[in-house]
Amino acid sequence: MEPITGDARMGASGRPTVSLFVEYGSDFPVWLFDYPFVGRRGPMNVATNELQLSGELIQRLHRFQRNFDENYDAVTGWRTTAAESFHHDEASALLATLRDEVKHLDVAVTVEL
């Protein structure tokens, strides 16, 4: 896949949206919305290299997704308060880092918990 460049313009805001959220069955918790890609528009799960993120951030994002996969159940919720706390605390930290690393792309960045 080709890396995303900062010249994409879509959606009401005039900018594509990058969203941090975990999803069952997803390998990576970053998604694109309102981005023209292979003839369709989002949501689309982002491949790890598409946004040109740092290796450290990619590792943290994978750990964030793994924590969700291993510790959250749709019926019973979080298995432990520690896993839930990690999820919420890390989401805030990841959002700030993700915004910083993609600011050159002129995209909106959101989080969904």
N, C-alpha and C. Protein backbone atom coordinates (compact mmCIF):
# COMPACT_ATOMS: atom_id res chain seq x y z
N MET A 1 0.83 -1.18 0.00
CA MET A 1 0.00 0.00 0.00
C MET A 1 0.87 1.24 0.00
N GLU A 2 0.39 2.25 -0.64
CA GLU A 2 1.12 3.52 -0.69
C GLU A 2 0.93 4.29 0.61
N PRO A 3 1.95 4.95 1.11
CA PRO A 3 1.78 5.79 2.30
C PRO A 3 0.81 6.92 2.02
N ILE A 4 0.09 7.33 3.04
CA ILE A 4 -0.85 8.44 2.92
C ILE A 4 -0.07 9.73 2.92
N THR A 5 -0.45 10.64 2.06
CA THR A 5 0.23 11.93 1.99
C THR A 5 -0.69 13.02 2.53
N GLY A 6 -0.14 14.17 2.81
CA GLY A 6 -0.89 15.25 3.41
C GLY A 6 -1.78 16.02 2.47
N ASP A 7 -1.91 15.62 1.21
CA ASP A 7 -2.70 16.41 0.29
C ASP A 7 -4.10 15.85 0.05
N ALA A 8 -4.55 14.88 0.83
CA ALA A 8 -5.90 14.34 0.69
C ALA A 8 -6.91 15.31 1.30
N ARG A 9 -8.04 15.49 0.67
CA ARG A 9 -9.10 16.35 1.19
C ARG A 9 -10.44 15.67 0.97
N MET A 10 -11.14 15.33 2.05
CA MET A 10 -12.45 14.72 1.95
C MET A 10 -13.27 15.10 3.17
N GLY A 11 -14.57 14.84 3.10
CA GLY A 11 -15.44 15.03 4.23
C GLY A 11 -15.81 16.48 4.46
N ALA A 12 -16.77 16.70 5.37
CA ALA A 12 -17.28 18.04 5.64
C ALA A 12 -16.19 18.97 6.16
N SER A 13 -15.24 18.42 6.90
CA SER A 13 -14.18 19.26 7.46
C SER A 13 -13.11 19.58 6.42
N GLY A 14 -13.19 18.92 5.26
CA GLY A 14 -12.16 19.11 4.25
C GLY A 14 -10.91 18.32 4.54
N ARG A 15 -10.96 17.51 5.59
CA ARG A 15 -9.79 16.71 5.96
C ARG A 15 -10.23 15.27 6.24
N PRO A 16 -9.39 14.31 5.88
CA PRO A 16 -9.68 12.94 6.30
C PRO A 16 -9.54 12.84 7.82
N THR A 17 -10.16 11.84 8.39
CA THR A 17 -10.10 11.63 9.84
C THR A 17 -9.37 10.34 10.15
N VAL A 18 -8.42 10.42 11.05
CA VAL A 18 -7.73 9.25 11.58
C VAL A 18 -8.31 9.04 12.97
N SER A 19 -8.78 7.82 13.24
CA SER A 19 -9.42 7.55 14.52
C SER A 19 -8.72 6.39 15.24
N LEU A 20 -8.48 6.60 16.51
CA LEU A 20 -7.91 5.56 17.37
C LEU A 20 -9.07 4.84 18.04
N PHE A 21 -9.30 3.59 17.66
CA PHE A 21 -10.25 2.77 18.40
C PHE A 21 -10.00 1.30 18.15
N VAL A 22 -10.25 0.52 19.20
CA VAL A 22 -10.05 -0.92 19.10
C VAL A 22 -11.32 -1.55 18.55
N GLU A 23 -11.14 -2.61 17.81
CA GLU A 23 -12.26 -3.33 17.20
C GLU A 23 -11.94 -4.81 17.25
N TYR A 24 -12.95 -5.60 17.53
CA TYR A 24 -12.76 -7.05 17.53
C TYR A 24 -12.24 -7.51 16.18
N GLY A 25 -11.23 -8.36 16.19
CA GLY A 25 -10.70 -8.92 14.95
C GLY A 25 -9.75 -8.02 14.19
N SER A 26 -9.47 -6.85 14.72
CA SER A 26 -8.55 -5.93 14.05
C SER A 26 -7.14 -6.16 14.58
N ASP A 27 -6.17 -6.04 13.70
CA ASP A 27 -4.78 -6.17 14.13
C ASP A 27 -4.20 -4.85 14.63
N PHE A 28 -4.81 -3.74 14.21
CA PHE A 28 -4.23 -2.43 14.48
C PHE A 28 -5.35 -1.45 14.79
N PRO A 29 -5.28 -0.70 15.89
CA PRO A 29 -6.40 0.13 16.33
C PRO A 29 -6.44 1.55 15.74
N VAL A 30 -6.06 1.68 14.49
CA VAL A 30 -6.12 2.99 13.83
C VAL A 30 -6.93 2.83 12.55
N TRP A 31 -7.87 3.75 12.35
CA TRP A 31 -8.80 3.68 11.23
C TRP A 31 -8.85 5.00 10.49
N LEU A 32 -9.16 4.93 9.21
CA LEU A 32 -9.35 6.13 8.38
C LEU A 32 -10.82 6.29 8.03
N PHE A 33 -11.29 7.51 8.06
CA PHE A 33 -12.64 7.86 7.62
C PHE A 33 -12.53 8.99 6.61
N ASP A 34 -13.44 9.01 5.66
CA ASP A 34 -13.49 10.09 4.67
C ASP A 34 -12.19 10.25 3.91
N TYR A 35 -11.65 9.14 3.48
CA TYR A 35 -10.42 9.18 2.69
C TYR A 35 -10.64 8.39 1.42
N PRO A 36 -10.42 9.00 0.26
CA PRO A 36 -10.61 8.26 -0.99
C PRO A 36 -9.50 7.23 -1.15
N PHE A 37 -9.85 5.98 -1.14
CA PHE A 37 -8.83 4.94 -1.11
C PHE A 37 -9.36 3.74 -1.87
N VAL A 38 -8.68 3.37 -2.90
CA VAL A 38 -9.03 2.21 -3.72
C VAL A 38 -10.50 2.27 -4.11
N GLY A 39 -10.96 3.43 -4.50
CA GLY A 39 -12.31 3.58 -5.03
C GLY A 39 -13.43 3.56 -4.01
N ARG A 40 -13.14 3.63 -2.73
CA ARG A 40 -14.21 3.68 -1.74
C ARG A 40 -13.79 4.57 -0.57
N ARG A 41 -14.76 4.89 0.28
CA ARG A 41 -14.49 5.72 1.44
C ARG A 41 -14.63 4.91 2.71
N GLY A 42 -14.02 5.39 3.79
CA GLY A 42 -13.91 4.69 5.06
C GLY A 42 -15.22 4.24 5.65
N PRO A 43 -15.17 3.56 6.77
CA PRO A 43 -13.97 3.36 7.57
C PRO A 43 -13.09 2.25 7.02
N MET A 44 -11.80 2.45 7.13
CA MET A 44 -10.84 1.45 6.69
C MET A 44 -9.75 1.32 7.75
N ASN A 45 -9.44 0.09 8.08
CA ASN A 45 -8.37 -0.17 9.04
C ASN A 45 -7.04 0.20 8.38
N VAL A 46 -6.22 0.93 9.08
CA VAL A 46 -4.95 1.41 8.56
C VAL A 46 -3.88 0.33 8.74
N ALA A 47 -3.11 0.09 7.70
CA ALA A 47 -1.94 -0.78 7.83
C ALA A 47 -0.87 -0.01 8.59
N THR A 48 0.00 -0.71 9.28
CA THR A 48 0.95 -0.05 10.17
C THR A 48 1.85 0.95 9.47
N ASN A 49 2.16 0.78 8.20
CA ASN A 49 3.10 1.68 7.54
C ASN A 49 2.43 2.82 6.79
N GLU A 50 1.12 2.83 6.67
CA GLU A 50 0.44 3.83 5.86
C GLU A 50 0.59 5.25 6.36
N LEU A 51 0.63 5.43 7.66
CA LEU A 51 0.73 6.77 8.22
C LEU A 51 2.16 7.16 8.57
N GLN A 52 3.09 6.30 8.27
CA GLN A 52 4.51 6.56 8.51
C GLN A 52 4.76 6.87 9.99
N LEU A 53 4.19 6.04 10.86
CA LEU A 53 4.33 6.20 12.30
C LEU A 53 5.67 5.65 12.77
N SER A 54 6.11 6.14 13.92
CA SER A 54 7.37 5.65 14.49
C SER A 54 7.20 4.21 14.96
N GLY A 55 8.30 3.49 15.00
CA GLY A 55 8.28 2.11 15.48
C GLY A 55 7.78 2.00 16.90
N GLU A 56 8.17 2.95 17.75
CA GLU A 56 7.72 2.94 19.14
C GLU A 56 6.21 3.09 19.23
N LEU A 57 5.63 4.01 18.47
CA LEU A 57 4.18 4.20 18.50
C LEU A 57 3.47 2.96 17.96
N ILE A 58 3.98 2.37 16.92
CA ILE A 58 3.37 1.15 16.36
C ILE A 58 3.35 0.05 17.42
N GLN A 59 4.44 -0.12 18.15
CA GLN A 59 4.48 -1.14 19.22
C GLN A 59 3.45 -0.85 20.30
N ARG A 60 3.35 0.41 20.70
CA ARG A 60 2.37 0.79 21.73
C ARG A 60 0.95 0.56 21.25
N LEU A 61 0.68 0.86 19.97
CA LEU A 61 -0.66 0.64 19.42
C LEU A 61 -1.01 -0.85 19.38
N HIS A 62 -0.05 -1.68 19.02
CA HIS A 62 -0.28 -3.12 19.04
C HIS A 62 -0.55 -3.61 20.46
N ARG A 63 0.20 -3.11 21.44
CA ARG A 63 0.00 -3.49 22.84
C ARG A 63 -1.39 -3.05 23.32
N PHE A 64 -1.82 -1.87 22.90
CA PHE A 64 -3.15 -1.34 23.24
C PHE A 64 -4.24 -2.27 22.69
N GLN A 65 -4.11 -2.68 21.43
CA GLN A 65 -5.08 -3.58 20.82
C GLN A 65 -5.07 -4.94 21.53
N ARG A 66 -3.88 -5.46 21.83
CA ARG A 66 -3.76 -6.75 22.52
C ARG A 66 -4.41 -6.71 23.90
N ASN A 67 -4.20 -5.61 24.62
CA ASN A 67 -4.82 -5.47 25.94
C ASN A 67 -6.34 -5.58 25.82
N PHE A 68 -6.91 -4.93 24.83
CA PHE A 68 -8.35 -5.01 24.60
C PHE A 68 -8.76 -6.44 24.26
N ASP A 69 -8.09 -7.04 23.30
CA ASP A 69 -8.44 -8.40 22.85
C ASP A 69 -8.38 -9.42 23.99
N GLU A 70 -7.38 -9.29 24.84
CA GLU A 70 -7.17 -10.28 25.90
C GLU A 70 -7.96 -10.01 27.17
N ASN A 71 -8.43 -8.77 27.34
CA ASN A 71 -9.02 -8.41 28.63
C ASN A 71 -10.42 -7.83 28.60
N TYR A 72 -11.02 -7.71 27.42
CA TYR A 72 -12.37 -7.14 27.36
C TYR A 72 -13.33 -8.13 26.73
N ASP A 73 -14.48 -8.28 27.35
CA ASP A 73 -15.54 -9.13 26.83
C ASP A 73 -16.78 -8.27 26.63
N ALA A 74 -17.43 -8.40 25.49
CA ALA A 74 -18.59 -7.56 25.17
C ALA A 74 -19.73 -7.73 26.16
N VAL A 75 -19.84 -8.88 26.79
CA VAL A 75 -20.93 -9.14 27.73
C VAL A 75 -20.54 -8.78 29.16
N THR A 76 -19.36 -9.20 29.58
CA THR A 76 -18.97 -9.02 30.98
C THR A 76 -18.07 -7.81 31.24
N GLY A 77 -17.55 -7.21 30.18
CA GLY A 77 -16.70 -6.03 30.34
C GLY A 77 -15.25 -6.39 30.59
N TRP A 78 -14.55 -5.51 31.28
CA TRP A 78 -13.12 -5.70 31.54
C TRP A 78 -12.91 -6.81 32.56
N ARG A 79 -11.90 -7.63 32.31
CA ARG A 79 -11.57 -8.75 33.22
C ARG A 79 -10.97 -8.24 34.53
N THR A 80 -10.19 -7.15 34.45
CA THR A 80 -9.57 -6.59 35.66
C THR A 80 -9.63 -5.07 35.59
N THR A 81 -9.60 -4.44 36.75
CA THR A 81 -9.57 -2.98 36.77
C THR A 81 -8.23 -2.47 36.24
N ALA A 82 -7.17 -3.25 36.42
CA ALA A 82 -5.85 -2.84 35.90
C ALA A 82 -5.87 -2.76 34.38
N ALA A 83 -6.49 -3.73 33.73
CA ALA A 83 -6.58 -3.72 32.27
C ALA A 83 -7.42 -2.55 31.79
N GLU A 84 -8.51 -2.27 32.49
CA GLU A 84 -9.36 -1.14 32.12
C GLU A 84 -8.63 0.18 32.32
N SER A 85 -7.92 0.31 33.43
CA SER A 85 -7.16 1.54 33.69
C SER A 85 -6.08 1.74 32.64
N PHE A 86 -5.37 0.67 32.30
CA PHE A 86 -4.35 0.76 31.25
C PHE A 86 -4.98 1.25 29.96
N HIS A 87 -6.13 0.70 29.60
CA HIS A 87 -6.80 1.06 28.35
C HIS A 87 -7.11 2.56 28.32
N HIS A 88 -7.72 3.07 29.36
CA HIS A 88 -8.10 4.49 29.38
C HIS A 88 -6.89 5.42 29.46
N ASP A 89 -5.93 5.07 30.30
CA ASP A 89 -4.72 5.90 30.43
C ASP A 89 -3.91 5.90 29.14
N GLU A 90 -3.73 4.71 28.57
CA GLU A 90 -2.93 4.60 27.35
C GLU A 90 -3.64 5.25 26.17
N ALA A 91 -4.97 5.22 26.13
CA ALA A 91 -5.70 5.87 25.04
C ALA A 91 -5.39 7.36 25.00
N SER A 92 -5.37 8.00 26.15
CA SER A 92 -5.05 9.43 26.21
C SER A 92 -3.64 9.71 25.73
N ALA A 93 -2.70 8.91 26.19
CA ALA A 93 -1.30 9.09 25.79
C ALA A 93 -1.11 8.80 24.30
N LEU A 94 -1.75 7.73 23.81
CA LEU A 94 -1.63 7.39 22.39
C LEU A 94 -2.23 8.46 21.51
N LEU A 95 -3.35 9.02 21.93
CA LEU A 95 -4.00 10.07 21.14
C LEU A 95 -3.06 11.26 20.96
N ALA A 96 -2.42 11.68 22.03
CA ALA A 96 -1.49 12.82 21.94
C ALA A 96 -0.31 12.50 21.02
N THR A 97 0.25 11.31 21.16
CA THR A 97 1.39 10.92 20.32
C THR A 97 0.98 10.77 18.87
N LEU A 98 -0.17 10.14 18.63
CA LEU A 98 -0.67 9.97 17.26
C LEU A 98 -0.90 11.32 16.60
N ARG A 99 -1.53 12.25 17.31
CA ARG A 99 -1.75 13.60 16.76
C ARG A 99 -0.42 14.25 16.38
N ASP A 100 0.56 14.11 17.24
CA ASP A 100 1.86 14.71 16.97
C ASP A 100 2.51 14.09 15.74
N GLU A 101 2.42 12.77 15.61
CA GLU A 101 3.10 12.09 14.51
C GLU A 101 2.41 12.25 13.15
N VAL A 102 1.13 12.61 13.13
CA VAL A 102 0.44 12.77 11.84
C VAL A 102 0.09 14.23 11.54
N LYS A 103 0.56 15.16 12.35
CA LYS A 103 0.19 16.57 12.13
C LYS A 103 0.60 17.08 10.76
N HIS A 104 1.66 16.54 10.19
CA HIS A 104 2.11 16.97 8.86
C HIS A 104 1.17 16.51 7.75
N LEU A 105 0.24 15.59 8.06
CA LEU A 105 -0.69 15.08 7.06
C LEU A 105 -1.97 15.89 6.96
N ASP A 106 -2.17 16.85 7.86
CA ASP A 106 -3.38 17.67 7.87
C ASP A 106 -4.63 16.80 7.95
N VAL A 107 -4.67 15.94 8.96
CA VAL A 107 -5.83 15.10 9.21
C VAL A 107 -6.41 15.41 10.58
N ALA A 108 -7.70 15.20 10.75
CA ALA A 108 -8.30 15.27 12.07
C ALA A 108 -8.02 13.95 12.77
N VAL A 109 -7.75 13.99 14.07
CA VAL A 109 -7.46 12.78 14.83
C VAL A 109 -8.46 12.69 15.98
N THR A 110 -9.14 11.54 16.08
CA THR A 110 -10.14 11.33 17.12
C THR A 110 -9.86 10.02 17.85
N VAL A 111 -10.52 9.84 18.98
CA VAL A 111 -10.44 8.58 19.73
C VAL A 111 -11.85 8.14 20.08
N GLU A 112 -12.07 6.84 20.07
CA GLU A 112 -13.35 6.27 20.46
C GLU A 112 -13.06 5.18 21.48
N LEU A 113 -13.57 5.35 22.70
CA LEU A 113 -13.31 4.35 23.74
C LEU A 113 -14.48 3.42 23.93
